[in-house]
């Protein structure tokens, strides 16, 4: 049980890291992982908080950049709408998360073979 719990937590951590790459907020990440990977938001929140504790400087900087880019994101989304360019669609997001999950699973299977 302990090993599978650890690998599950590691998978959630990996998915959170991918969310960070896509500049997602904690809430957006919790929603995306719940919807597309069937991960309980409480689990995502707990792992996120632990990552914050372990990487305090990174998350302080990330949080500052998130809040400072909030206004620019609003204007960007308005200009993207008028130019026809938009954020990833829900289907693209779902496909990306499913690929990340399957990649993580295949990496885990490779590790088990060794």
N, C-alpha and C. Protein backbone atom coordinates (compact mmCIF):
# COMPACT_ATOMS: atom_id res chain seq x y z
N UNK A 1 0.83 -1.20 0.00
CA UNK A 1 0.00 0.00 0.00
C UNK A 1 0.86 1.25 0.00
N UNK A 2 1.92 1.27 0.82
CA UNK A 2 2.76 2.44 0.91
C UNK A 2 3.41 2.80 -0.41
N UNK A 3 3.87 1.78 -1.15
CA UNK A 3 4.54 2.02 -2.42
C UNK A 3 3.57 2.59 -3.45
N UNK A 4 2.35 2.05 -3.50
CA UNK A 4 1.39 2.57 -4.47
C UNK A 4 0.93 3.97 -4.09
N UNK A 5 0.82 4.25 -2.78
CA UNK A 5 0.47 5.60 -2.33
C UNK A 5 1.56 6.58 -2.73
N UNK A 6 2.80 6.18 -2.55
CA UNK A 6 3.92 7.05 -2.90
C UNK A 6 3.95 7.30 -4.40
N UNK A 7 3.68 6.29 -5.20
CA UNK A 7 3.70 6.49 -6.65
C UNK A 7 2.53 7.36 -7.10
N UNK A 8 1.38 7.24 -6.42
CA UNK A 8 0.23 8.08 -6.73
C UNK A 8 0.55 9.54 -6.41
N UNK A 9 1.13 9.78 -5.24
CA UNK A 9 1.52 11.14 -4.85
C UNK A 9 2.55 11.69 -5.83
N UNK A 10 3.50 10.85 -6.24
CA UNK A 10 4.52 11.27 -7.21
C UNK A 10 3.85 11.65 -8.54
N UNK A 11 2.85 10.88 -8.97
CA UNK A 11 2.14 11.19 -10.20
C UNK A 11 1.43 12.55 -10.08
N UNK A 12 0.76 12.78 -8.93
CA UNK A 12 0.07 14.05 -8.71
C UNK A 12 1.09 15.19 -8.73
N UNK A 13 2.23 14.99 -8.09
CA UNK A 13 3.28 16.01 -8.10
C UNK A 13 3.72 16.30 -9.53
N UNK A 14 3.93 15.27 -10.32
CA UNK A 14 4.34 15.44 -11.71
C UNK A 14 3.30 16.23 -12.50
N UNK A 15 2.02 15.92 -12.29
CA UNK A 15 0.96 16.63 -12.99
C UNK A 15 0.88 18.09 -12.55
N UNK A 16 1.09 18.34 -11.26
CA UNK A 16 1.11 19.72 -10.76
C UNK A 16 2.26 20.48 -11.43
N UNK A 17 3.41 19.84 -11.54
CA UNK A 17 4.55 20.49 -12.19
C UNK A 17 4.21 20.85 -13.63
N UNK A 18 3.47 19.98 -14.32
CA UNK A 18 3.04 20.29 -15.68
C UNK A 18 2.07 21.48 -15.68
N UNK A 19 1.19 21.53 -14.69
CA UNK A 19 0.27 22.67 -14.57
C UNK A 19 1.06 23.97 -14.38
N UNK A 20 2.13 23.90 -13.60
CA UNK A 20 2.97 25.07 -13.37
C UNK A 20 3.62 25.54 -14.67
N UNK A 21 4.03 24.59 -15.48
CA UNK A 21 4.62 24.94 -16.77
C UNK A 21 3.61 25.72 -17.63
N UNK A 22 2.34 25.35 -17.50
CA UNK A 22 1.29 26.03 -18.25
C UNK A 22 0.74 27.25 -17.52
N UNK A 23 1.47 27.67 -16.46
CA UNK A 23 1.15 28.90 -15.72
C UNK A 23 -0.25 28.87 -15.12
N UNK A 24 -0.69 27.69 -14.68
CA UNK A 24 -2.00 27.55 -14.08
C UNK A 24 -1.95 27.93 -12.60
N UNK A 25 -3.05 28.50 -12.12
CA UNK A 25 -3.16 28.78 -10.69
C UNK A 25 -3.43 27.46 -9.96
N UNK A 26 -3.31 27.50 -8.65
CA UNK A 26 -3.61 26.32 -7.84
C UNK A 26 -5.04 25.86 -8.10
N UNK A 27 -5.97 26.82 -8.13
CA UNK A 27 -7.38 26.49 -8.34
C UNK A 27 -7.61 25.88 -9.72
N UNK A 28 -6.96 26.46 -10.75
CA UNK A 28 -7.09 25.92 -12.11
C UNK A 28 -6.53 24.50 -12.18
N UNK A 29 -5.41 24.29 -11.51
CA UNK A 29 -4.78 22.97 -11.49
C UNK A 29 -5.68 21.96 -10.79
N UNK A 30 -6.23 22.36 -9.65
CA UNK A 30 -7.13 21.46 -8.91
C UNK A 30 -8.33 21.08 -9.78
N UNK A 31 -8.89 22.07 -10.46
CA UNK A 31 -10.05 21.82 -11.32
C UNK A 31 -9.69 20.91 -12.50
N UNK A 32 -8.57 21.21 -13.14
CA UNK A 32 -8.15 20.42 -14.31
C UNK A 32 -7.87 18.97 -13.93
N UNK A 33 -7.14 18.76 -12.83
CA UNK A 33 -6.80 17.39 -12.44
C UNK A 33 -8.03 16.64 -11.96
N UNK A 34 -8.96 17.33 -11.34
CA UNK A 34 -10.20 16.69 -10.92
C UNK A 34 -11.01 16.26 -12.13
N UNK A 35 -11.13 17.16 -13.07
CA UNK A 35 -11.98 16.92 -14.23
C UNK A 35 -11.37 15.92 -15.21
N UNK A 36 -10.08 16.04 -15.47
CA UNK A 36 -9.46 15.26 -16.54
C UNK A 36 -8.67 14.05 -16.06
N UNK A 37 -8.27 14.04 -14.78
CA UNK A 37 -7.47 12.92 -14.28
C UNK A 37 -8.14 12.24 -13.09
N UNK A 38 -9.34 12.72 -12.73
CA UNK A 38 -10.11 12.13 -11.64
C UNK A 38 -9.32 12.11 -10.33
N UNK A 39 -8.61 13.21 -10.09
CA UNK A 39 -7.83 13.34 -8.85
C UNK A 39 -8.60 14.27 -7.92
N UNK A 40 -8.86 13.81 -6.73
CA UNK A 40 -9.60 14.59 -5.74
C UNK A 40 -8.89 15.93 -5.50
N UNK A 41 -9.62 17.04 -5.58
CA UNK A 41 -8.99 18.35 -5.36
C UNK A 41 -8.27 18.48 -4.02
N UNK A 42 -8.74 17.77 -3.00
CA UNK A 42 -8.07 17.81 -1.70
C UNK A 42 -6.66 17.23 -1.82
N UNK A 43 -6.52 16.17 -2.61
CA UNK A 43 -5.20 15.56 -2.82
C UNK A 43 -4.29 16.55 -3.54
N UNK A 44 -4.81 17.15 -4.62
CA UNK A 44 -4.01 18.13 -5.37
C UNK A 44 -3.59 19.28 -4.47
N UNK A 45 -4.54 19.80 -3.68
CA UNK A 45 -4.25 20.91 -2.79
C UNK A 45 -3.18 20.53 -1.76
N UNK A 46 -3.30 19.34 -1.20
CA UNK A 46 -2.34 18.89 -0.19
C UNK A 46 -0.94 18.75 -0.78
N UNK A 47 -0.84 18.13 -1.96
CA UNK A 47 0.47 17.97 -2.60
C UNK A 47 1.03 19.35 -2.98
N UNK A 48 0.16 20.23 -3.49
CA UNK A 48 0.58 21.60 -3.84
C UNK A 48 1.17 22.29 -2.61
N UNK A 49 0.48 22.19 -1.47
CA UNK A 49 0.95 22.84 -0.23
C UNK A 49 2.31 22.30 0.19
N UNK A 50 2.51 20.99 0.06
CA UNK A 50 3.80 20.39 0.40
C UNK A 50 4.89 20.89 -0.54
N UNK A 51 4.56 21.01 -1.82
CA UNK A 51 5.53 21.55 -2.78
C UNK A 51 5.87 23.00 -2.42
N UNK A 52 4.86 23.76 -2.00
CA UNK A 52 5.11 25.15 -1.57
C UNK A 52 6.08 25.20 -0.39
N UNK A 53 5.90 24.28 0.57
CA UNK A 53 6.78 24.24 1.74
C UNK A 53 8.22 23.93 1.33
N UNK A 54 8.37 22.97 0.41
CA UNK A 54 9.69 22.52 0.00
C UNK A 54 10.38 23.50 -0.95
N UNK A 55 9.59 24.32 -1.64
CA UNK A 55 10.12 25.23 -2.66
C UNK A 55 9.59 26.63 -2.45
N UNK A 56 9.78 27.13 -1.25
CA UNK A 56 9.17 28.40 -0.83
C UNK A 56 9.51 29.55 -1.77
N UNK A 57 10.78 29.72 -2.09
CA UNK A 57 11.19 30.84 -2.95
C UNK A 57 10.54 30.76 -4.33
N UNK A 58 10.53 29.56 -4.90
CA UNK A 58 9.92 29.39 -6.22
C UNK A 58 8.45 29.81 -6.19
N UNK A 59 7.71 29.31 -5.21
CA UNK A 59 6.27 29.59 -5.17
C UNK A 59 5.97 31.05 -4.83
N UNK A 60 6.83 31.69 -4.05
CA UNK A 60 6.66 33.12 -3.80
C UNK A 60 6.80 33.89 -5.11
N UNK A 61 7.81 33.54 -5.87
CA UNK A 61 8.03 34.20 -7.16
C UNK A 61 6.90 33.86 -8.13
N UNK A 62 6.49 32.60 -8.14
CA UNK A 62 5.40 32.16 -9.02
C UNK A 62 4.11 32.91 -8.68
N UNK A 63 3.83 33.03 -7.41
CA UNK A 63 2.63 33.73 -6.96
C UNK A 63 2.67 35.20 -7.37
N UNK A 64 3.82 35.83 -7.20
CA UNK A 64 3.96 37.23 -7.62
C UNK A 64 3.73 37.38 -9.12
N UNK A 65 4.31 36.47 -9.90
CA UNK A 65 4.15 36.58 -11.35
C UNK A 65 2.71 36.30 -11.76
N UNK A 66 2.04 35.40 -11.03
CA UNK A 66 0.63 35.12 -11.31
C UNK A 66 -0.22 36.36 -11.05
N UNK A 67 -0.01 37.01 -9.91
CA UNK A 67 -0.84 38.16 -9.57
C UNK A 67 -0.49 39.37 -10.44
N UNK A 68 0.78 39.54 -10.80
CA UNK A 68 1.14 40.67 -11.64
C UNK A 68 0.70 40.47 -13.08
N UNK A 69 0.54 39.21 -13.50
CA UNK A 69 0.10 38.97 -14.87
C UNK A 69 -1.41 38.81 -14.96
N UNK A 70 -2.11 38.88 -13.83
CA UNK A 70 -3.56 38.75 -13.84
C UNK A 70 -4.24 39.78 -14.71
N UNK A 71 -3.84 41.05 -14.58
CA UNK A 71 -4.43 42.11 -15.38
C UNK A 71 -4.04 41.95 -16.84
N UNK A 72 -2.79 41.57 -17.09
CA UNK A 72 -2.38 41.41 -18.48
C UNK A 72 -3.06 40.21 -19.12
N UNK A 73 -3.36 39.17 -18.32
CA UNK A 73 -4.09 38.02 -18.87
C UNK A 73 -5.49 38.42 -19.30
N UNK A 74 -6.12 39.29 -18.54
CA UNK A 74 -7.45 39.75 -18.90
C UNK A 74 -7.41 40.47 -20.24
N UNK A 75 -6.46 41.38 -20.40
CA UNK A 75 -6.38 42.10 -21.67
C UNK A 75 -5.93 41.17 -22.79
N UNK A 76 -5.05 40.21 -22.49
CA UNK A 76 -4.63 39.23 -23.49
C UNK A 76 -5.80 38.40 -23.97
N UNK A 77 -6.65 37.97 -23.03
CA UNK A 77 -7.78 37.12 -23.43
C UNK A 77 -8.75 37.91 -24.29
N UNK A 78 -8.91 39.19 -24.01
CA UNK A 78 -9.78 40.02 -24.84
C UNK A 78 -9.18 40.18 -26.23
N UNK A 79 -7.88 40.42 -26.31
CA UNK A 79 -7.27 40.60 -27.63
C UNK A 79 -7.19 39.27 -28.37
N UNK A 80 -6.99 38.15 -27.64
CA UNK A 80 -6.97 36.85 -28.29
C UNK A 80 -8.33 36.53 -28.87
N UNK A 81 -9.39 36.89 -28.14
CA UNK A 81 -10.73 36.62 -28.64
C UNK A 81 -10.98 37.37 -29.94
N UNK A 82 -10.55 38.62 -29.99
CA UNK A 82 -10.79 39.40 -31.19
C UNK A 82 -9.90 38.96 -32.35
N UNK A 83 -8.72 38.39 -32.04
CA UNK A 83 -7.83 37.97 -33.11
C UNK A 83 -8.08 36.52 -33.53
N UNK A 84 -8.96 35.83 -32.82
CA UNK A 84 -9.27 34.44 -33.17
C UNK A 84 -8.33 33.43 -32.53
N UNK A 85 -7.33 33.90 -31.79
CA UNK A 85 -6.41 33.00 -31.10
C UNK A 85 -6.92 32.84 -29.68
N UNK A 86 -6.98 31.61 -29.18
CA UNK A 86 -7.49 31.40 -27.84
C UNK A 86 -6.61 30.43 -27.08
N UNK A 87 -6.93 30.30 -25.80
CA UNK A 87 -6.23 29.33 -24.97
C UNK A 87 -6.56 27.94 -25.46
N UNK A 88 -5.85 26.94 -24.93
CA UNK A 88 -6.12 25.57 -25.30
C UNK A 88 -7.58 25.24 -25.06
N UNK A 89 -8.17 24.51 -25.98
CA UNK A 89 -9.55 24.09 -25.80
C UNK A 89 -9.61 23.04 -24.69
N UNK A 90 -10.83 22.79 -24.23
CA UNK A 90 -11.01 21.78 -23.20
C UNK A 90 -10.55 20.41 -23.70
N UNK A 91 -10.84 20.11 -24.96
CA UNK A 91 -10.43 18.81 -25.53
C UNK A 91 -8.91 18.71 -25.57
N UNK A 92 -8.24 19.80 -25.97
CA UNK A 92 -6.77 19.79 -26.00
C UNK A 92 -6.20 19.62 -24.61
N UNK A 93 -6.80 20.30 -23.63
CA UNK A 93 -6.35 20.18 -22.25
C UNK A 93 -6.51 18.75 -21.77
N UNK A 94 -7.68 18.17 -22.05
CA UNK A 94 -7.95 16.79 -21.64
C UNK A 94 -6.95 15.83 -22.30
N UNK A 95 -6.71 16.01 -23.60
CA UNK A 95 -5.76 15.15 -24.31
C UNK A 95 -4.37 15.26 -23.71
N UNK A 96 -3.96 16.50 -23.40
CA UNK A 96 -2.64 16.73 -22.83
C UNK A 96 -2.51 16.04 -21.47
N UNK A 97 -3.51 16.20 -20.62
CA UNK A 97 -3.46 15.57 -19.29
C UNK A 97 -3.47 14.05 -19.42
N UNK A 98 -4.28 13.51 -20.33
CA UNK A 98 -4.30 12.06 -20.52
C UNK A 98 -2.94 11.55 -20.99
N UNK A 99 -2.30 12.31 -21.89
CA UNK A 99 -0.97 11.92 -22.37
C UNK A 99 0.03 11.95 -21.21
N UNK A 100 -0.04 12.99 -20.37
CA UNK A 100 0.88 13.08 -19.23
C UNK A 100 0.68 11.90 -18.29
N UNK A 101 -0.59 11.52 -18.06
CA UNK A 101 -0.88 10.40 -17.16
C UNK A 101 -0.36 9.10 -17.75
N UNK A 102 -0.60 8.88 -19.05
CA UNK A 102 -0.14 7.64 -19.67
C UNK A 102 1.39 7.60 -19.74
N UNK A 103 2.03 8.76 -20.02
CA UNK A 103 3.49 8.81 -20.01
C UNK A 103 4.03 8.46 -18.63
N UNK A 104 3.39 9.02 -17.59
CA UNK A 104 3.81 8.74 -16.23
C UNK A 104 3.63 7.25 -15.92
N UNK A 105 2.53 6.67 -16.38
CA UNK A 105 2.28 5.24 -16.13
C UNK A 105 3.31 4.38 -16.85
N UNK A 106 3.65 4.73 -18.10
CA UNK A 106 4.63 3.94 -18.83
C UNK A 106 6.02 4.08 -18.21
N UNK A 107 6.35 5.27 -17.70
CA UNK A 107 7.62 5.44 -17.00
C UNK A 107 7.66 4.59 -15.74
N UNK A 108 6.53 4.53 -15.03
CA UNK A 108 6.44 3.72 -13.82
C UNK A 108 6.60 2.24 -14.16
N UNK A 109 5.97 1.81 -15.26
CA UNK A 109 6.09 0.42 -15.69
C UNK A 109 7.54 0.09 -16.05
N UNK A 110 8.22 1.04 -16.73
CA UNK A 110 9.63 0.84 -17.07
C UNK A 110 10.47 0.71 -15.81
N UNK A 111 10.19 1.53 -14.80
CA UNK A 111 10.93 1.47 -13.53
C UNK A 111 10.69 0.14 -12.83
N UNK A 112 9.44 -0.36 -12.92
CA UNK A 112 9.12 -1.65 -12.29
C UNK A 112 9.86 -2.79 -12.93
N UNK A 113 10.15 -2.67 -14.24
CA UNK A 113 10.85 -3.73 -14.97
C UNK A 113 12.32 -3.84 -14.58
N UNK A 114 12.86 -2.76 -14.05
CA UNK A 114 14.30 -2.75 -13.73
C UNK A 114 14.59 -3.43 -12.44
